[in-house]
Amino acid sequence: MTDLIADISDVLGKHEKRDGDEDGQRSCMCGVTPSSDHSTHVARAIVSRLHYLGALLDEELTVLEGAE
């Protein structure tokens, strides 16, 4: 099973704020230049990762139920 703390920590590490780029906007370490709301950008990345992990769990449960 996946460690949720490690997964969220990984997302946070990949989405650290960087100092302003050439245009004076803050950009993210992931390479995108999000809107002024960096927190929302990071939250979306976390929710996306949790959705992915939830799908993996659903798949595992389906396999286990089929084994019974």
PDB file of N, CA and C in Angstrom:
ATOM      1  N   MET A   1       0.845  -1.184   0.000  1.00  0.00           N
ATOM      2  CA  MET A   1       0.000   0.000   0.000  1.00  0.00           C
ATOM      3  C   MET A   1       0.885   1.241   0.000  1.00  0.00           C
ATOM      4  N   THR A   2       0.414   2.252  -0.623  1.00  0.00           N
ATOM      5  CA  THR A   2       1.179   3.485  -0.756  1.00  0.00           C
ATOM      6  C   THR A   2       1.131   4.305   0.526  1.00  0.00           C
ATOM      7  N   ASP A   3       2.231   4.956   0.847  1.00  0.00           N
ATOM      8  CA  ASP A   3       2.323   5.826   2.016  1.00  0.00           C
ATOM      9  C   ASP A   3       1.832   7.217   1.637  1.00  0.00           C
ATOM     10  N   LEU A   4       0.661   7.605   2.145  1.00  0.00           N
ATOM     11  CA  LEU A   4       0.062   8.895   1.781  1.00  0.00           C
ATOM     12  C   LEU A   4       0.925  10.074   2.189  1.00  0.00           C
ATOM     13  N   ILE A   5       1.572   9.990   3.337  1.00  0.00           N
ATOM     14  CA  ILE A   5       2.430  11.089   3.788  1.00  0.00           C
ATOM     15  C   ILE A   5       3.563  11.303   2.796  1.00  0.00           C
ATOM     16  N   ALA A   6       4.179  10.223   2.360  1.00  0.00           N
ATOM     17  CA  ALA A   6       5.276  10.332   1.390  1.00  0.00           C
ATOM     18  C   ALA A   6       4.780  10.882   0.061  1.00  0.00           C
ATOM     19  N   ASP A   7       3.599  10.450  -0.368  1.00  0.00           N
ATOM     20  CA  ASP A   7       3.051  10.947  -1.630  1.00  0.00           C
ATOM     21  C   ASP A   7       2.754  12.438  -1.574  1.00  0.00           C
ATOM     22  N   ILE A   8       2.137  12.887  -0.502  1.00  0.00           N
ATOM     23  CA  ILE A   8       1.821  14.310  -0.368  1.00  0.00           C
ATOM     24  C   ILE A   8       3.096  15.124  -0.224  1.00  0.00           C
ATOM     25  N   SER A   9       4.050  14.614   0.523  1.00  0.00           N
ATOM     26  CA  SER A   9       5.342  15.289   0.658  1.00  0.00           C
ATOM     27  C   SER A   9       6.025  15.435  -0.699  1.00  0.00           C
ATOM     28  N   ASP A  10       5.925  14.400  -1.522  1.00  0.00           N
ATOM     29  CA  ASP A  10       6.493  14.439  -2.869  1.00  0.00           C
ATOM     30  C   ASP A  10       5.824  15.526  -3.714  1.00  0.00           C
ATOM     31  N   VAL A  11       4.501  15.604  -3.641  1.00  0.00           N
ATOM     32  CA  VAL A  11       3.767  16.638  -4.385  1.00  0.00           C
ATOM     33  C   VAL A  11       4.212  18.020  -3.923  1.00  0.00           C
ATOM     34  N   LEU A  12       4.299  18.213  -2.615  1.00  0.00           N
ATOM     35  CA  LEU A  12       4.709  19.511  -2.093  1.00  0.00           C
ATOM     36  C   LEU A  12       6.120  19.878  -2.538  1.00  0.00           C
ATOM     37  N   GLY A  13       7.006  18.883  -2.565  1.00  0.00           N
ATOM     38  CA  GLY A  13       8.370  19.131  -3.007  1.00  0.00           C
ATOM     39  C   GLY A  13       8.456  19.540  -4.464  1.00  0.00           C
ATOM     40  N   LYS A  14       7.567  18.982  -5.277  1.00  0.00           N
ATOM     41  CA  LYS A  14       7.573  19.287  -6.715  1.00  0.00           C
ATOM     42  C   LYS A  14       6.862  20.589  -7.044  1.00  0.00           C
ATOM     43  N   HIS A  15       6.175  21.171  -6.069  1.00  0.00           N
ATOM     44  CA  HIS A  15       5.395  22.381  -6.328  1.00  0.00           C
ATOM     45  C   HIS A  15       5.791  23.534  -5.407  1.00  0.00           C
ATOM     46  N   GLU A  16       7.062  23.607  -5.086  1.00  0.00           N
ATOM     47  CA  GLU A  16       7.526  24.730  -4.270  1.00  0.00           C
ATOM     48  C   GLU A  16       7.499  26.007  -5.090  1.00  0.00           C
ATOM     49  N   LYS A  17       7.209  27.100  -4.413  1.00  0.00           N
ATOM     50  CA  LYS A  17       7.237  28.401  -5.083  1.00  0.00           C
ATOM     51  C   LYS A  17       8.669  28.784  -5.393  1.00  0.00           C
ATOM     52  N   ARG A  18       8.867  29.332  -6.573  1.00  0.00           N
ATOM     53  CA  ARG A  18      10.173  29.873  -6.924  1.00  0.00           C
ATOM     54  C   ARG A  18      10.045  31.387  -6.953  1.00  0.00           C
ATOM     55  N   ASP A  19      11.181  32.045  -6.914  1.00  0.00           N
ATOM     56  CA  ASP A  19      11.159  33.498  -7.037  1.00  0.00           C
ATOM     57  C   ASP A  19      10.610  33.874  -8.405  1.00  0.00           C
ATOM     58  N   GLY A  20      10.262  35.133  -8.577  1.00  0.00           N
ATOM     59  CA  GLY A  20       9.666  35.607  -9.822  1.00  0.00           C
ATOM     60  C   GLY A  20      10.488  35.245 -11.044  1.00  0.00           C
ATOM     61  N   ASP A  21       9.796  34.968 -12.144  1.00  0.00           N
ATOM     62  CA  ASP A  21      10.481  34.683 -13.396  1.00  0.00           C
ATOM     63  C   ASP A  21      10.698  35.974 -14.176  1.00  0.00           C
ATOM     64  N   GLU A  22      11.015  35.869 -15.450  1.00  0.00           N
ATOM     65  CA  GLU A  22      11.314  37.045 -16.252  1.00  0.00           C
ATOM     66  C   GLU A  22      10.155  38.042 -16.283  1.00  0.00           C
ATOM     67  N   ASP A  23       8.927  37.549 -16.228  1.00  0.00           N
ATOM     68  CA  ASP A  23       7.756  38.416 -16.294  1.00  0.00           C
ATOM     69  C   ASP A  23       7.372  38.986 -14.935  1.00  0.00           C
ATOM     70  N   GLY A  24       8.112  38.628 -13.916  1.00  0.00           N
ATOM     71  CA  GLY A  24       7.800  39.111 -12.577  1.00  0.00           C
ATOM     72  C   GLY A  24       6.718  38.313 -11.887  1.00  0.00           C
ATOM     73  N   GLN A  25       6.269  37.224 -12.497  1.00  0.00           N
ATOM     74  CA  GLN A  25       5.252  36.381 -11.879  1.00  0.00           C
ATOM     75  C   GLN A  25       5.938  35.280 -11.108  1.00  0.00           C
ATOM     76  N   ARG A  26       5.292  34.833 -10.063  1.00  0.00           N
ATOM     77  CA  ARG A  26       5.836  33.685  -9.335  1.00  0.00           C
ATOM     78  C   ARG A  26       5.556  32.437 -10.147  1.00  0.00           C
ATOM     79  N   SER A  27       6.513  31.568 -10.162  1.00  0.00           N
ATOM     80  CA  SER A  27       6.304  30.314 -10.876  1.00  0.00           C
ATOM     81  C   SER A  27       6.537  29.154  -9.922  1.00  0.00           C
ATOM     82  N   CYS A  28       6.131  27.998 -10.358  1.00  0.00           N
ATOM     83  CA  CYS A  28       6.198  26.795  -9.547  1.00  0.00           C
ATOM     84  C   CYS A  28       7.360  25.943 -10.026  1.00  0.00           C
ATOM     85  N   MET A  29       7.942  25.167  -9.120  1.00  0.00           N
ATOM     86  CA  MET A  29       9.040  24.278  -9.500  1.00  0.00           C
ATOM     87  C   MET A  29       8.609  23.234 -10.525  1.00  0.00           C
ATOM     88  N   CYS A  30       7.320  22.994 -10.661  1.00  0.00           N
ATOM     89  CA  CYS A  30       6.848  22.014 -11.643  1.00  0.00           C
ATOM     90  C   CYS A  30       6.944  22.555 -13.059  1.00  0.00           C
ATOM     91  N   GLY A  31       7.216  23.852 -13.193  1.00  0.00           N
ATOM     92  CA  GLY A  31       7.415  24.435 -14.515  1.00  0.00           C
ATOM     93  C   GLY A  31       6.281  25.304 -15.003  1.00  0.00           C
ATOM     94  N   VAL A  32       5.138  25.229 -14.385  1.00  0.00           N
ATOM     95  CA  VAL A  32       4.034  26.083 -14.820  1.00  0.00           C
ATOM     96  C   VAL A  32       4.083  27.402 -14.072  1.00  0.00           C
ATOM     97  N   THR A  33       3.510  28.395 -14.685  1.00  0.00           N
ATOM     98  CA  THR A  33       3.364  29.676 -14.012  1.00  0.00           C
ATOM     99  C   THR A  33       1.886  29.813 -13.668  1.00  0.00           C
ATOM    100  N   PRO A  34       1.526  29.403 -12.455  1.00  0.00           N
ATOM    101  CA  PRO A  34       0.111  29.426 -12.082  1.00  0.00           C
ATOM    102  C   PRO A  34      -0.397  30.851 -11.888  1.00  0.00           C
ATOM    103  N   SER A  35      -1.676  30.951 -11.704  1.00  0.00           N
ATOM    104  CA  SER A  35      -2.255  32.243 -11.380  1.00  0.00           C
ATOM    105  C   SER A  35      -1.684  32.717 -10.046  1.00  0.00           C
ATOM    106  N   SER A  36      -2.125  33.822  -9.589  1.00  0.00           N
ATOM    107  CA  SER A  36      -1.595  34.382  -8.349  1.00  0.00           C
ATOM    108  C   SER A  36      -1.874  33.493  -7.136  1.00  0.00           C
ATOM    109  N   ASP A  37      -2.728  32.496  -7.296  1.00  0.00           N
ATOM    110  CA  ASP A  37      -3.105  31.623  -6.186  1.00  0.00           C
ATOM    111  C   ASP A  37      -2.327  30.305  -6.249  1.00  0.00           C
ATOM    112  N   HIS A  38      -1.104  30.346  -5.787  1.00  0.00           N
ATOM    113  CA  HIS A  38      -0.251  29.153  -5.810  1.00  0.00           C
ATOM    114  C   HIS A  38      -0.810  28.056  -4.921  1.00  0.00           C
ATOM    115  N   SER A  39      -1.437  28.416  -3.823  1.00  0.00           N
ATOM    116  CA  SER A  39      -2.011  27.427  -2.906  1.00  0.00           C
ATOM    117  C   SER A  39      -3.050  26.552  -3.597  1.00  0.00           C
ATOM    118  N   THR A  40      -3.884  27.166  -4.431  1.00  0.00           N
ATOM    119  CA  THR A  40      -4.899  26.408  -5.164  1.00  0.00           C
ATOM    120  C   THR A  40      -4.242  25.469  -6.165  1.00  0.00           C
ATOM    121  N   HIS A  41      -3.195  25.932  -6.805  1.00  0.00           N
ATOM    122  CA  HIS A  41      -2.445  25.110  -7.751  1.00  0.00           C
ATOM    123  C   HIS A  41      -1.905  23.856  -7.044  1.00  0.00           C
ATOM    124  N   VAL A  42      -1.320  24.035  -5.870  1.00  0.00           N
ATOM    125  CA  VAL A  42      -0.766  22.911  -5.109  1.00  0.00           C
ATOM    126  C   VAL A  42      -1.891  21.999  -4.618  1.00  0.00           C
ATOM    127  N   ALA A  43      -2.980  22.576  -4.155  1.00  0.00           N
ATOM    128  CA  ALA A  43      -4.112  21.775  -3.680  1.00  0.00           C
ATOM    129  C   ALA A  43      -4.657  20.896  -4.797  1.00  0.00           C
ATOM    130  N   ARG A  44      -4.732  21.442  -6.003  1.00  0.00           N
ATOM    131  CA  ARG A  44      -5.210  20.644  -7.136  1.00  0.00           C
ATOM    132  C   ARG A  44      -4.267  19.468  -7.411  1.00  0.00           C
ATOM    133  N   ALA A  45      -2.977  19.699  -7.291  1.00  0.00           N
ATOM    134  CA  ALA A  45      -1.999  18.630  -7.508  1.00  0.00           C
ATOM    135  C   ALA A  45      -2.165  17.539  -6.454  1.00  0.00           C
ATOM    136  N   ILE A  46      -2.411  17.924  -5.206  1.00  0.00           N
ATOM    137  CA  ILE A  46      -2.610  16.944  -4.131  1.00  0.00           C
ATOM    138  C   ILE A  46      -3.888  16.144  -4.364  1.00  0.00           C
ATOM    139  N   VAL A  47      -4.977  16.820  -4.704  1.00  0.00           N
ATOM    140  CA  VAL A  47      -6.242  16.136  -4.950  1.00  0.00           C
ATOM    141  C   VAL A  47      -6.113  15.179  -6.129  1.00  0.00           C
ATOM    142  N   SER A  48      -5.401  15.600  -7.148  1.00  0.00           N
ATOM    143  CA  SER A  48      -5.176  14.733  -8.310  1.00  0.00           C
ATOM    144  C   SER A  48      -4.436  13.470  -7.897  1.00  0.00           C
ATOM    145  N   ARG A  49      -3.420  13.626  -7.054  1.00  0.00           N
ATOM    146  CA  ARG A  49      -2.647  12.471  -6.579  1.00  0.00           C
ATOM    147  C   ARG A  49      -3.516  11.558  -5.708  1.00  0.00           C
ATOM    148  N   LEU A  50      -4.327  12.141  -4.843  1.00  0.00           N
ATOM    149  CA  LEU A  50      -5.206  11.335  -3.999  1.00  0.00           C
ATOM    150  C   LEU A  50      -6.238  10.593  -4.835  1.00  0.00           C
ATOM    151  N   HIS A  51      -6.740  11.239  -5.891  1.00  0.00           N
ATOM    152  CA  HIS A  51      -7.692  10.581  -6.801  1.00  0.00           C
ATOM    153  C   HIS A  51      -7.037   9.366  -7.450  1.00  0.00           C
ATOM    154  N   TYR A  52      -5.795   9.527  -7.886  1.00  0.00           N
ATOM    155  CA  TYR A  52      -5.044   8.430  -8.491  1.00  0.00           C
ATOM    156  C   TYR A  52      -4.875   7.283  -7.498  1.00  0.00           C
ATOM    157  N   LEU A  53      -4.501   7.623  -6.261  1.00  0.00           N
ATOM    158  CA  LEU A  53      -4.317   6.585  -5.242  1.00  0.00           C
ATOM    159  C   LEU A  53      -5.633   5.895  -4.901  1.00  0.00           C
ATOM    160  N   GLY A  54      -6.725   6.662  -4.896  1.00  0.00           N
ATOM    161  CA  GLY A  54      -8.042   6.080  -4.654  1.00  0.00           C
ATOM    162  C   GLY A  54      -8.420   5.089  -5.741  1.00  0.00           C
ATOM    163  N   ALA A  55      -8.085   5.415  -6.977  1.00  0.00           N
ATOM    164  CA  ALA A  55      -8.364   4.503  -8.089  1.00  0.00           C
ATOM    165  C   ALA A  55      -7.561   3.217  -7.950  1.00  0.00           C
ATOM    166  N   LEU A  56      -6.302   3.340  -7.514  1.00  0.00           N
ATOM    167  CA  LEU A  56      -5.494   2.135  -7.289  1.00  0.00           C
ATOM    168  C   LEU A  56      -6.097   1.263  -6.203  1.00  0.00           C
ATOM    169  N   LEU A  57      -6.570   1.891  -5.144  1.00  0.00           N
ATOM    170  CA  LEU A  57      -7.193   1.145  -4.057  1.00  0.00           C
ATOM    171  C   LEU A  57      -8.465   0.454  -4.534  1.00  0.00           C
ATOM    172  N   ASP A  58      -9.276   1.157  -5.326  1.00  0.00           N
ATOM    173  CA  ASP A  58     -10.489   0.541  -5.871  1.00  0.00           C
ATOM    174  C   ASP A  58     -10.153  -0.681  -6.706  1.00  0.00           C
ATOM    175  N   GLU A  59      -9.092  -0.570  -7.500  1.00  0.00           N
ATOM    176  CA  GLU A  59      -8.687  -1.693  -8.336  1.00  0.00           C
ATOM    177  C   GLU A  59      -8.246  -2.887  -7.485  1.00  0.00           C
ATOM    178  N   GLU A  60      -7.475  -2.597  -6.423  1.00  0.00           N
ATOM    179  CA  GLU A  60      -7.036  -3.675  -5.529  1.00  0.00           C
ATOM    180  C   GLU A  60      -8.224  -4.350  -4.855  1.00  0.00           C
ATOM    181  N   LEU A  61      -9.194  -3.554  -4.415  1.00  0.00           N
ATOM    182  CA  LEU A  61     -10.382  -4.120  -3.769  1.00  0.00           C
ATOM    183  C   LEU A  61     -11.191  -4.977  -4.748  1.00  0.00           C
ATOM    184  N   THR A  62     -11.283  -4.530  -5.996  1.00  0.00           N
ATOM    185  CA  THR A  62     -11.996  -5.299  -7.006  1.00  0.00           C
ATOM    186  C   THR A  62     -11.336  -6.648  -7.218  1.00  0.00           C
ATOM    187  N   VAL A  63     -10.009  -6.663  -7.272  1.00  0.00           N
ATOM    188  CA  VAL A  63      -9.276  -7.921  -7.444  1.00  0.00           C
ATOM    189  C   VAL A  63      -9.508  -8.829  -6.245  1.00  0.00           C
ATOM    190  N   LEU A  64      -9.448  -8.267  -5.050  1.00  0.00           N
ATOM    191  CA  LEU A  64      -9.668  -9.074  -3.839  1.00  0.00           C
ATOM    192  C   LEU A  64     -11.082  -9.640  -3.783  1.00  0.00           C
ATOM    193  N   GLU A  65     -12.068  -8.840  -4.168  1.00  0.00           N
ATOM    194  CA  GLU A  65     -13.447  -9.315  -4.158  1.00  0.00           C
ATOM    195  C   GLU A  65     -13.651 -10.430  -5.175  1.00  0.00           C
ATOM    196  N   GLY A  66     -12.936 -10.351  -6.288  1.00  0.00           N
ATOM    197  CA  GLY A  66     -13.037 -11.392  -7.316  1.00  0.00           C
ATOM    198  C   GLY A  66     -12.410 -12.691  -6.875  1.00  0.00           C
ATOM    199  N   ALA A  67     -11.473 -12.615  -5.924  1.00  0.00           N
ATOM    200  CA  ALA A  67     -10.788 -13.808  -5.441  1.00  0.00           C
ATOM    201  C   ALA A  67     -11.643 -14.601  -4.464  1.00  0.00           C
ATOM    202  N   GLU A  68     -12.667 -13.985  -3.921  1.00  0.00           N
ATOM    203  CA  GLU A  68     -13.502 -14.665  -2.934  1.00  0.00           C
ATOM    204  C   GLU A  68     -14.522 -15.557  -3.566  1.00  0.00           C
TER     205      GLU A  68
END
